[in-house]
Amino acid sequence: MFTLKGHTTFITGAYGGLGAACAKLFAQQGSNLILFDKNENIVNLAEEIGTNAIAFVGDVTSEIDLEKAISLGVTQFGSIENMICCSGIVRAGAVTDTKISDWQNVFDVNVLGVYLSCKEVLPIMEAQEYGRIVTISSHFGLVGAPRLAAYNASKGAVIQLTKSIALDYGRKNIRANCLCPGMMKSDMFKNILKQVGNARDWVDLMRGLPTGELEPEDIAKSALFLVSSASNTMNGSVLVADGGYTAR
C-alpha cells in the first residue's frame, strides 16, 4: 500500500475546503505537512493534526512569504516531496462587468500564486531528484461557466502552466499534474453562488450535476493518487474529478 511516511507535503490554501481535506488525508498517510494560508486559523488546523504539521500564515502572491515557509519546512523536516497548490479566489462577472482590479486579483492568486509556489519549491525537488506537484484548476477551466470570466481564464492558465512544468522538469523525476474538481461543498462554491445569484443560467448548471455537489474529502483522494506511485505514468495530465459534469 502506498504511504507518505517520510515525505513532506507543502499545501497552499491549506485552510480552505480542499486544502484542509488534503492536509488531514495526507497526515493520515504519514506525511509531514507545511500548511500555508493567509487565514490565521491555519495554526489551529496544524495543532489539530499534530506534531508532524507546521503552519505558516502568509500571502501566496508574496515570494518572500513562500520562501520563508519553505525554508521553515526544510529546516523542520529536511525535504519537500509533494506540493499541492490549493489557493484560489473568485470574482464573478462577464468581461464587461469585471473591474481590472478584480481581474488582476484573481490572476494574482490563482495563477501567479501557483507560479511562485512552484518556483520556490522546484529547486529543492531538483536537488533531491524527486518531486510531485499537484495544481488545482477546475472543471470550469475546461468548459467555462457564465459570468466567471476571470475565474475561467485563470483556471485555464493553471492547466497550461502545469503542462509547462511537466515538460521542463519531468526528466528530473519531478511530475506535475493538474486536478480539476467539480462543484464541491466548500466556501469557494458558496461564494460563487452568492456572487452570481439565482440567475437562470446558473440554475440550469446546478441541475446538470449528475451526482450533486462533491465532498472535498473525496477530491483529496484524487490529489493523493496524483502524488502516489499509482500515477507514475502521469505527467502533465489533467485529472477531472467532477462527478460527471463534463461528460455531457
C-alpha atoms as a PDB file:
ATOM      1  CA  MET A   1       0.000   0.000   0.000  1.00  0.00           C
ATOM      2  CA  PHE A   2       1.269   3.477  -0.843  1.00  0.00           C
ATOM      3  CA  THR A   3       2.385   5.507   2.141  1.00  0.00           C
ATOM      4  CA  LEU A   4       3.614   9.060   2.582  1.00  0.00           C
ATOM      5  CA  LYS A   5       5.662   8.202   5.651  1.00  0.00           C
ATOM      6  CA  GLY A   6       8.924  10.160   5.478  1.00  0.00           C
ATOM      7  CA  HIS A   7       7.503  12.545   2.883  1.00  0.00           C
ATOM      8  CA  THR A   8       6.815  16.221   3.434  1.00  0.00           C
ATOM      9  CA  THR A   9       3.896  17.911   1.683  1.00  0.00           C
ATOM     10  CA  PHE A  10       3.581  21.664   1.206  1.00  0.00           C
ATOM     11  CA  ILE A  11      -0.049  22.786   0.817  1.00  0.00           C
ATOM     12  CA  THR A  12      -1.072  26.308  -0.119  1.00  0.00           C
ATOM     13  CA  GLY A  13      -4.618  27.428   0.631  1.00  0.00           C
ATOM     14  CA  ALA A  14      -4.499  24.776   3.332  1.00  0.00           C
ATOM     15  CA  TYR A  15      -7.361  26.190   5.391  1.00  0.00           C
ATOM     16  CA  GLY A  16      -9.883  26.045   2.534  1.00  0.00           C
ATOM     17  CA  GLY A  17     -12.222  23.126   1.966  1.00  0.00           C
ATOM     18  CA  LEU A  18      -9.988  21.096  -0.327  1.00  0.00           C
ATOM     19  CA  GLY A  19      -6.737  22.248   1.266  1.00  0.00           C
ATOM     20  CA  ALA A  20      -7.839  21.177   4.731  1.00  0.00           C
ATOM     21  CA  ALA A  21      -9.173  17.867   3.385  1.00  0.00           C
ATOM     22  CA  CYS A  22      -5.818  17.193   1.720  1.00  0.00           C
ATOM     23  CA  ALA A  23      -3.976  18.114   4.913  1.00  0.00           C
ATOM     24  CA  LYS A  24      -5.966  15.656   7.020  1.00  0.00           C
ATOM     25  CA  LEU A  25      -5.806  12.835   4.462  1.00  0.00           C
ATOM     26  CA  PHE A  26      -2.091  13.245   3.809  1.00  0.00           C
ATOM     27  CA  ALA A  27      -1.427  13.305   7.557  1.00  0.00           C
ATOM     28  CA  GLN A  28      -3.315  10.002   7.877  1.00  0.00           C
ATOM     29  CA  GLN A  29      -0.970   8.589   5.247  1.00  0.00           C
ATOM     30  CA  GLY A  30       2.053   9.595   7.338  1.00  0.00           C
ATOM     31  CA  SER A  31       3.169  12.789   5.590  1.00  0.00           C
ATOM     32  CA  ASN A  32       4.762  15.712   7.348  1.00  0.00           C
ATOM     33  CA  LEU A  33       2.893  18.891   6.475  1.00  0.00           C
ATOM     34  CA  ILE A  34       3.692  22.533   5.815  1.00  0.00           C
ATOM     35  CA  LEU A  35       0.339  24.306   5.846  1.00  0.00           C
ATOM     36  CA  PHE A  36       0.306  27.729   4.173  1.00  0.00           C
ATOM     37  CA  ASP A  37      -2.667  30.080   4.224  1.00  0.00           C
ATOM     38  CA  LYS A  38      -3.464  33.748   4.790  1.00  0.00           C
ATOM     39  CA  ASN A  39      -6.131  32.750   7.330  1.00  0.00           C
ATOM     40  CA  GLU A  40      -4.630  32.762  10.815  1.00  0.00           C
ATOM     41  CA  ASN A  41      -6.828  29.797  11.749  1.00  0.00           C
ATOM     42  CA  ILE A  42      -4.378  27.646   9.822  1.00  0.00           C
ATOM     43  CA  VAL A  43      -2.433  27.494  13.081  1.00  0.00           C
ATOM     44  CA  ASN A  44      -5.388  25.756  14.730  1.00  0.00           C
ATOM     45  CA  LEU A  45      -5.584  23.205  11.919  1.00  0.00           C
ATOM     46  CA  ALA A  46      -1.892  22.383  12.321  1.00  0.00           C
ATOM     47  CA  GLU A  47      -2.378  21.931  16.060  1.00  0.00           C
ATOM     48  CA  GLU A  48      -5.361  19.682  15.413  1.00  0.00           C
ATOM     49  CA  ILE A  49      -3.355  17.476  13.056  1.00  0.00           C
ATOM     50  CA  GLY A  50      -0.432  17.152  15.448  1.00  0.00           C
ATOM     51  CA  THR A  51       3.335  17.282  15.727  1.00  0.00           C
ATOM     52  CA  ASN A  52       4.011  16.431  12.084  1.00  0.00           C
ATOM     53  CA  ALA A  53       2.314  19.629  10.863  1.00  0.00           C
ATOM     54  CA  ILE A  54       3.560  23.211  10.937  1.00  0.00           C
ATOM     55  CA  ALA A  55       1.610  26.295   9.894  1.00  0.00           C
ATOM     56  CA  PHE A  56       2.698  29.462   8.143  1.00  0.00           C
ATOM     57  CA  VAL A  57       0.403  32.459   7.799  1.00  0.00           C
ATOM     58  CA  GLY A  58       1.279  34.149   4.530  1.00  0.00           C
ATOM     59  CA  ASP A  59       0.231  35.500   1.156  1.00  0.00           C
ATOM     60  CA  VAL A  60       0.573  33.151  -1.819  1.00  0.00           C
ATOM     61  CA  THR A  61       1.367  36.136  -4.045  1.00  0.00           C
ATOM     62  CA  SER A  62       4.382  37.012  -1.869  1.00  0.00           C
ATOM     63  CA  GLU A  63       7.636  35.395  -2.929  1.00  0.00           C
ATOM     64  CA  ILE A  64       9.146  36.330   0.437  1.00  0.00           C
ATOM     65  CA  ASP A  65       6.364  34.593   2.391  1.00  0.00           C
ATOM     66  CA  LEU A  66       6.703  31.454   0.296  1.00  0.00           C
ATOM     67  CA  GLU A  67      10.487  31.438   0.681  1.00  0.00           C
ATOM     68  CA  LYS A  68      10.163  31.712   4.467  1.00  0.00           C
ATOM     69  CA  ALA A  69       7.546  28.956   4.663  1.00  0.00           C
ATOM     70  CA  ILE A  70       9.540  26.560   2.526  1.00  0.00           C
ATOM     71  CA  SER A  71      12.746  27.333   4.431  1.00  0.00           C
ATOM     72  CA  LEU A  72      10.920  26.663   7.699  1.00  0.00           C
ATOM     73  CA  GLY A  73       9.627  23.361   6.359  1.00  0.00           C
ATOM     74  CA  VAL A  74      13.006  22.183   5.109  1.00  0.00           C
ATOM     75  CA  THR A  75      14.620  23.136   8.415  1.00  0.00           C
ATOM     76  CA  GLN A  76      11.942  21.199  10.302  1.00  0.00           C
ATOM     77  CA  PHE A  77      11.588  18.149   8.086  1.00  0.00           C
ATOM     78  CA  GLY A  78      14.643  18.097   5.793  1.00  0.00           C
ATOM     79  CA  SER A  79      12.906  17.912   2.416  1.00  0.00           C
ATOM     80  CA  ILE A  80       9.729  18.600   0.458  1.00  0.00           C
ATOM     81  CA  GLU A  81       8.500  15.778  -1.743  1.00  0.00           C
ATOM     82  CA  ASN A  82       4.994  16.952  -2.590  1.00  0.00           C
ATOM     83  CA  MET A  83       3.281  20.256  -3.297  1.00  0.00           C
ATOM     84  CA  ILE A  84      -0.481  20.781  -3.513  1.00  0.00           C
ATOM     85  CA  CYS A  85      -1.479  24.235  -4.813  1.00  0.00           C
ATOM     86  CA  CYS A  86      -4.963  24.871  -3.434  1.00  0.00           C
ATOM     87  CA  SER A  87      -5.028  28.664  -3.089  1.00  0.00           C
ATOM     88  CA  GLY A  88      -7.757  30.303  -5.131  1.00  0.00           C
ATOM     89  CA  ILE A  89     -10.348  33.081  -5.212  1.00  0.00           C
ATOM     90  CA  VAL A  90     -13.292  34.022  -7.389  1.00  0.00           C
ATOM     91  CA  ARG A  91     -14.680  37.355  -8.590  1.00  0.00           C
ATOM     92  CA  ALA A  92     -17.853  36.943 -10.625  1.00  0.00           C
ATOM     93  CA  GLY A  93     -18.638  38.900 -13.756  1.00  0.00           C
ATOM     94  CA  ALA A  94     -18.706  38.787 -17.537  1.00  0.00           C
ATOM     95  CA  VAL A  95     -15.827  40.581 -19.258  1.00  0.00           C
ATOM     96  CA  THR A  96     -17.584  43.955 -19.392  1.00  0.00           C
ATOM     97  CA  ASP A  97     -18.677  43.612 -15.754  1.00  0.00           C
ATOM     98  CA  THR A  98     -15.258  42.739 -14.370  1.00  0.00           C
ATOM     99  CA  LYS A  99     -13.132  45.512 -12.951  1.00  0.00           C
ATOM    100  CA  ILE A 100      -9.475  45.477 -13.939  1.00  0.00           C
ATOM    101  CA  SER A 101      -8.549  45.301 -10.262  1.00  0.00           C
ATOM    102  CA  ASP A 102     -10.732  42.206  -9.792  1.00  0.00           C
ATOM    103  CA  TRP A 103      -9.278  40.572 -12.901  1.00  0.00           C
ATOM    104  CA  GLN A 104      -5.758  41.221 -11.647  1.00  0.00           C
ATOM    105  CA  ASN A 105      -6.578  39.995  -8.160  1.00  0.00           C
ATOM    106  CA  VAL A 106      -7.924  36.688  -9.487  1.00  0.00           C
ATOM    107  CA  PHE A 107      -4.885  36.136 -11.692  1.00  0.00           C
ATOM    108  CA  ASP A 108      -2.520  37.115  -8.883  1.00  0.00           C
ATOM    109  CA  VAL A 109      -3.872  34.469  -6.531  1.00  0.00           C
ATOM    110  CA  ASN A 110      -4.928  31.745  -8.970  1.00  0.00           C
ATOM    111  CA  VAL A 111      -2.035  31.891 -11.439  1.00  0.00           C
ATOM    112  CA  LEU A 112       0.818  33.948 -10.007  1.00  0.00           C
ATOM    113  CA  GLY A 113       0.368  32.111  -6.713  1.00  0.00           C
ATOM    114  CA  VAL A 114       0.849  28.742  -8.428  1.00  0.00           C
ATOM    115  CA  TYR A 115       3.841  30.032 -10.396  1.00  0.00           C
ATOM    116  CA  LEU A 116       5.557  31.432  -7.299  1.00  0.00           C
ATOM    117  CA  SER A 117       4.841  28.337  -5.200  1.00  0.00           C
ATOM    118  CA  CYS A 118       6.350  26.076  -7.846  1.00  0.00           C
ATOM    119  CA  LYS A 119       9.239  28.461  -8.473  1.00  0.00           C
ATOM    120  CA  GLU A 120      10.244  28.254  -4.813  1.00  0.00           C
ATOM    121  CA  VAL A 121       9.872  24.501  -4.341  1.00  0.00           C
ATOM    122  CA  LEU A 122      11.297  23.258  -7.660  1.00  0.00           C
ATOM    123  CA  PRO A 123      14.986  23.873  -6.760  1.00  0.00           C
ATOM    124  CA  ILE A 124      14.533  21.649  -3.695  1.00  0.00           C
ATOM    125  CA  MET A 125      12.896  18.940  -5.770  1.00  0.00           C
ATOM    126  CA  GLU A 126      15.642  19.212  -8.393  1.00  0.00           C
ATOM    127  CA  ALA A 127      18.369  18.837  -5.781  1.00  0.00           C
ATOM    128  CA  GLN A 128      16.781  15.711  -4.315  1.00  0.00           C
ATOM    129  CA  GLU A 129      15.815  14.409  -7.791  1.00  0.00           C
ATOM    130  CA  TYR A 130      12.250  13.771  -6.721  1.00  0.00           C
ATOM    131  CA  GLY A 131       9.071  15.805  -6.657  1.00  0.00           C
ATOM    132  CA  ARG A 132       5.325  15.561  -7.101  1.00  0.00           C
ATOM    133  CA  ILE A 133       3.312  18.710  -7.835  1.00  0.00           C
ATOM    134  CA  VAL A 134      -0.468  18.831  -7.968  1.00  0.00           C
ATOM    135  CA  THR A 135      -2.027  22.080  -9.113  1.00  0.00           C
ATOM    136  CA  ILE A 136      -5.719  22.710  -8.590  1.00  0.00           C
ATOM    137  CA  SER A 137      -7.655  24.051 -11.560  1.00  0.00           C
ATOM    138  CA  SER A 138     -11.392  23.467 -12.021  1.00  0.00           C
ATOM    139  CA  HIS A 139     -13.798  21.848 -14.440  1.00  0.00           C
ATOM    140  CA  PHE A 140     -14.568  25.487 -15.289  1.00  0.00           C
ATOM    141  CA  GLY A 141     -11.000  25.741 -16.589  1.00  0.00           C
ATOM    142  CA  LEU A 142     -12.097  23.247 -19.240  1.00  0.00           C
ATOM    143  CA  VAL A 143     -15.688  24.087 -20.143  1.00  0.00           C
ATOM    144  CA  GLY A 144     -16.284  27.518 -18.620  1.00  0.00           C
ATOM    145  CA  ALA A 145     -19.306  28.916 -16.830  1.00  0.00           C
ATOM    146  CA  PRO A 146     -21.385  32.067 -17.301  1.00  0.00           C
ATOM    147  CA  ARG A 147     -20.257  35.274 -15.607  1.00  0.00           C
ATOM    148  CA  LEU A 148     -16.979  33.882 -14.336  1.00  0.00           C
ATOM    149  CA  ALA A 149     -14.665  35.327 -16.995  1.00  0.00           C
ATOM    150  CA  ALA A 150     -11.649  35.946 -14.767  1.00  0.00           C
ATOM    151  CA  TYR A 151     -12.010  32.685 -12.865  1.00  0.00           C
ATOM    152  CA  ASN A 152     -12.479  30.593 -16.020  1.00  0.00           C
ATOM    153  CA  ALA A 153      -9.471  32.191 -17.691  1.00  0.00           C
ATOM    154  CA  SER A 154      -7.256  31.831 -14.628  1.00  0.00           C
ATOM    155  CA  LYS A 155      -8.079  28.160 -14.200  1.00  0.00           C
ATOM    156  CA  GLY A 156      -7.364  27.510 -17.874  1.00  0.00           C
ATOM    157  CA  ALA A 157      -3.995  29.187 -17.365  1.00  0.00           C
ATOM    158  CA  VAL A 158      -3.226  26.873 -14.436  1.00  0.00           C
ATOM    159  CA  ILE A 159      -3.696  23.852 -16.686  1.00  0.00           C
ATOM    160  CA  GLN A 160      -1.220  25.173 -19.257  1.00  0.00           C
ATOM    161  CA  LEU A 161       1.288  26.234 -16.593  1.00  0.00           C
ATOM    162  CA  THR A 162       1.179  22.711 -15.180  1.00  0.00           C
ATOM    163  CA  LYS A 163       1.876  21.197 -18.582  1.00  0.00           C
ATOM    164  CA  SER A 164       4.856  23.526 -18.993  1.00  0.00           C
ATOM    165  CA  ILE A 165       6.298  22.444 -15.630  1.00  0.00           C
ATOM    166  CA  ALA A 166       5.781  18.803 -16.548  1.00  0.00           C
ATOM    167  CA  LEU A 167       7.735  19.199 -19.782  1.00  0.00           C
ATOM    168  CA  ASP A 168      10.567  21.212 -18.252  1.00  0.00           C
ATOM    169  CA  TYR A 169      11.169  19.075 -15.159  1.00  0.00           C
ATOM    170  CA  GLY A 170       9.899  15.589 -15.999  1.00  0.00           C
ATOM    171  CA  ARG A 171      13.364  14.230 -16.806  1.00  0.00           C
ATOM    172  CA  LYS A 172      14.428  15.199 -13.282  1.00  0.00           C
ATOM    173  CA  ASN A 173      11.899  12.812 -11.695  1.00  0.00           C
ATOM    174  CA  ILE A 174       9.507  15.651 -10.980  1.00  0.00           C
ATOM    175  CA  ARG A 175       5.922  15.059 -12.029  1.00  0.00           C
ATOM    176  CA  ALA A 176       3.357  17.855 -12.289  1.00  0.00           C
ATOM    177  CA  ASN A 177      -0.302  17.105 -12.838  1.00  0.00           C
ATOM    178  CA  CYS A 178      -3.442  19.203 -12.674  1.00  0.00           C
ATOM    179  CA  LEU A 179      -6.554  18.243 -10.726  1.00  0.00           C
ATOM    180  CA  CYS A 180      -9.841  19.741 -11.939  1.00  0.00           C
ATOM    181  CA  PRO A 181     -12.528  19.374  -9.267  1.00  0.00           C
ATOM    182  CA  GLY A 182     -16.183  19.954  -9.901  1.00  0.00           C
ATOM    183  CA  MET A 183     -18.560  21.843  -7.626  1.00  0.00           C
ATOM    184  CA  MET A 184     -17.567  20.977  -4.077  1.00  0.00           C
ATOM    185  CA  LYS A 185     -19.306  21.652  -0.794  1.00  0.00           C
ATOM    186  CA  SER A 186     -16.937  24.466   0.117  1.00  0.00           C
ATOM    187  CA  ASP A 187     -16.786  28.140   0.984  1.00  0.00           C
ATOM    188  CA  MET A 188     -15.457  28.773  -2.529  1.00  0.00           C
ATOM    189  CA  PHE A 189     -18.561  27.315  -4.134  1.00  0.00           C
ATOM    190  CA  LYS A 190     -20.828  29.151  -1.686  1.00  0.00           C
ATOM    191  CA  ASN A 191     -19.028  32.345  -2.626  1.00  0.00           C
ATOM    192  CA  ILE A 192     -19.589  31.690  -6.332  1.00  0.00           C
ATOM    193  CA  LEU A 193     -23.312  31.157  -5.805  1.00  0.00           C
ATOM    194  CA  LYS A 194     -23.528  34.253  -3.633  1.00  0.00           C
ATOM    195  CA  GLN A 195     -21.924  36.355  -6.361  1.00  0.00           C
ATOM    196  CA  VAL A 196     -23.861  35.020  -9.351  1.00  0.00           C
ATOM    197  CA  GLY A 197     -27.212  34.796  -7.567  1.00  0.00           C
ATOM    198  CA  ASN A 198     -30.092  32.644  -8.772  1.00  0.00           C
ATOM    199  CA  ALA A 199     -29.936  33.535 -12.442  1.00  0.00           C
ATOM    200  CA  ARG A 200     -31.486  31.056 -14.879  1.00  0.00           C
ATOM    201  CA  ASP A 201     -28.163  30.049 -16.420  1.00  0.00           C
ATOM    202  CA  TRP A 202     -26.765  29.020 -13.041  1.00  0.00           C
ATOM    203  CA  VAL A 203     -29.936  27.213 -12.015  1.00  0.00           C
ATOM    204  CA  ASP A 204     -29.532  25.174 -15.213  1.00  0.00           C
ATOM    205  CA  LEU A 205     -25.906  24.464 -14.359  1.00  0.00           C
ATOM    206  CA  MET A 206     -26.829  23.166 -10.932  1.00  0.00           C
ATOM    207  CA  ARG A 207     -29.419  20.864 -12.458  1.00  0.00           C
ATOM    208  CA  GLY A 208     -26.657  19.443 -14.616  1.00  0.00           C
ATOM    209  CA  LEU A 209     -24.801  17.867 -11.686  1.00  0.00           C
ATOM    210  CA  PRO A 210     -25.183  14.087 -12.142  1.00  0.00           C
ATOM    211  CA  THR A 211     -24.001  13.315  -8.600  1.00  0.00           C
ATOM    212  CA  GLY A 212     -24.754  16.587  -6.823  1.00  0.00           C
ATOM    213  CA  GLU A 213     -22.151  18.650  -5.003  1.00  0.00           C
ATOM    214  CA  LEU A 214     -18.924  16.829  -4.266  1.00  0.00           C
ATOM    215  CA  GLU A 215     -17.233  16.335  -0.912  1.00  0.00           C
ATOM    216  CA  PRO A 216     -13.741  17.879  -0.537  1.00  0.00           C
ATOM    217  CA  GLU A 217     -12.628  14.691   1.202  1.00  0.00           C
ATOM    218  CA  ASP A 218     -13.326  12.696  -1.965  1.00  0.00           C
ATOM    219  CA  ILE A 219     -11.444  15.176  -4.163  1.00  0.00           C
ATOM    220  CA  ALA A 220      -8.496  14.964  -1.735  1.00  0.00           C
ATOM    221  CA  LYS A 221      -8.250  11.255  -2.558  1.00  0.00           C
ATOM    222  CA  SER A 222      -7.627  12.213  -6.193  1.00  0.00           C
ATOM    223  CA  ALA A 223      -4.809  14.523  -5.082  1.00  0.00           C
ATOM    224  CA  LEU A 224      -3.332  11.667  -3.060  1.00  0.00           C
ATOM    225  CA  PHE A 225      -3.498   9.441  -6.133  1.00  0.00           C
ATOM    226  CA  LEU A 226      -1.537  12.008  -8.150  1.00  0.00           C
ATOM    227  CA  VAL A 227       1.390  12.003  -5.717  1.00  0.00           C
ATOM    228  CA  SER A 228       1.340   8.224  -5.319  1.00  0.00           C
ATOM    229  CA  SER A 229       3.275   5.601  -7.256  1.00  0.00           C
ATOM    230  CA  ALA A 230      -0.043   4.501  -8.781  1.00  0.00           C
ATOM    231  CA  SER A 231       0.145   7.556 -11.077  1.00  0.00           C
ATOM    232  CA  ASN A 232       3.822   7.233 -12.057  1.00  0.00           C
ATOM    233  CA  THR A 233       2.933   7.239 -15.751  1.00  0.00           C
ATOM    234  CA  MET A 234       1.115  10.564 -15.459  1.00  0.00           C
ATOM    235  CA  ASN A 235       2.926  13.835 -16.071  1.00  0.00           C
ATOM    236  CA  GLY A 236       1.297  16.967 -17.434  1.00  0.00           C
ATOM    237  CA  SER A 237      -2.043  15.204 -17.176  1.00  0.00           C
ATOM    238  CA  VAL A 238      -5.394  16.746 -16.323  1.00  0.00           C
ATOM    239  CA  LEU A 239      -7.452  14.655 -13.916  1.00  0.00           C
ATOM    240  CA  VAL A 240     -11.108  15.697 -13.902  1.00  0.00           C
ATOM    241  CA  ALA A 241     -12.971  14.878 -10.687  1.00  0.00           C
ATOM    242  CA  ASP A 242     -16.332  16.496 -11.312  1.00  0.00           C
ATOM    243  CA  GLY A 243     -18.868  13.732 -10.765  1.00  0.00           C
ATOM    244  CA  GLY A 244     -19.600  13.522 -14.478  1.00  0.00           C
ATOM    245  CA  TYR A 245     -20.338  17.215 -15.121  1.00  0.00           C
ATOM    246  CA  THR A 246     -18.092  17.496 -18.186  1.00  0.00           C
ATOM    247  CA  ALA A 247     -19.191  14.111 -19.536  1.00  0.00           C
ATOM    248  CA  ARG A 248     -22.253  15.732 -21.093  1.00  0.00           C
END
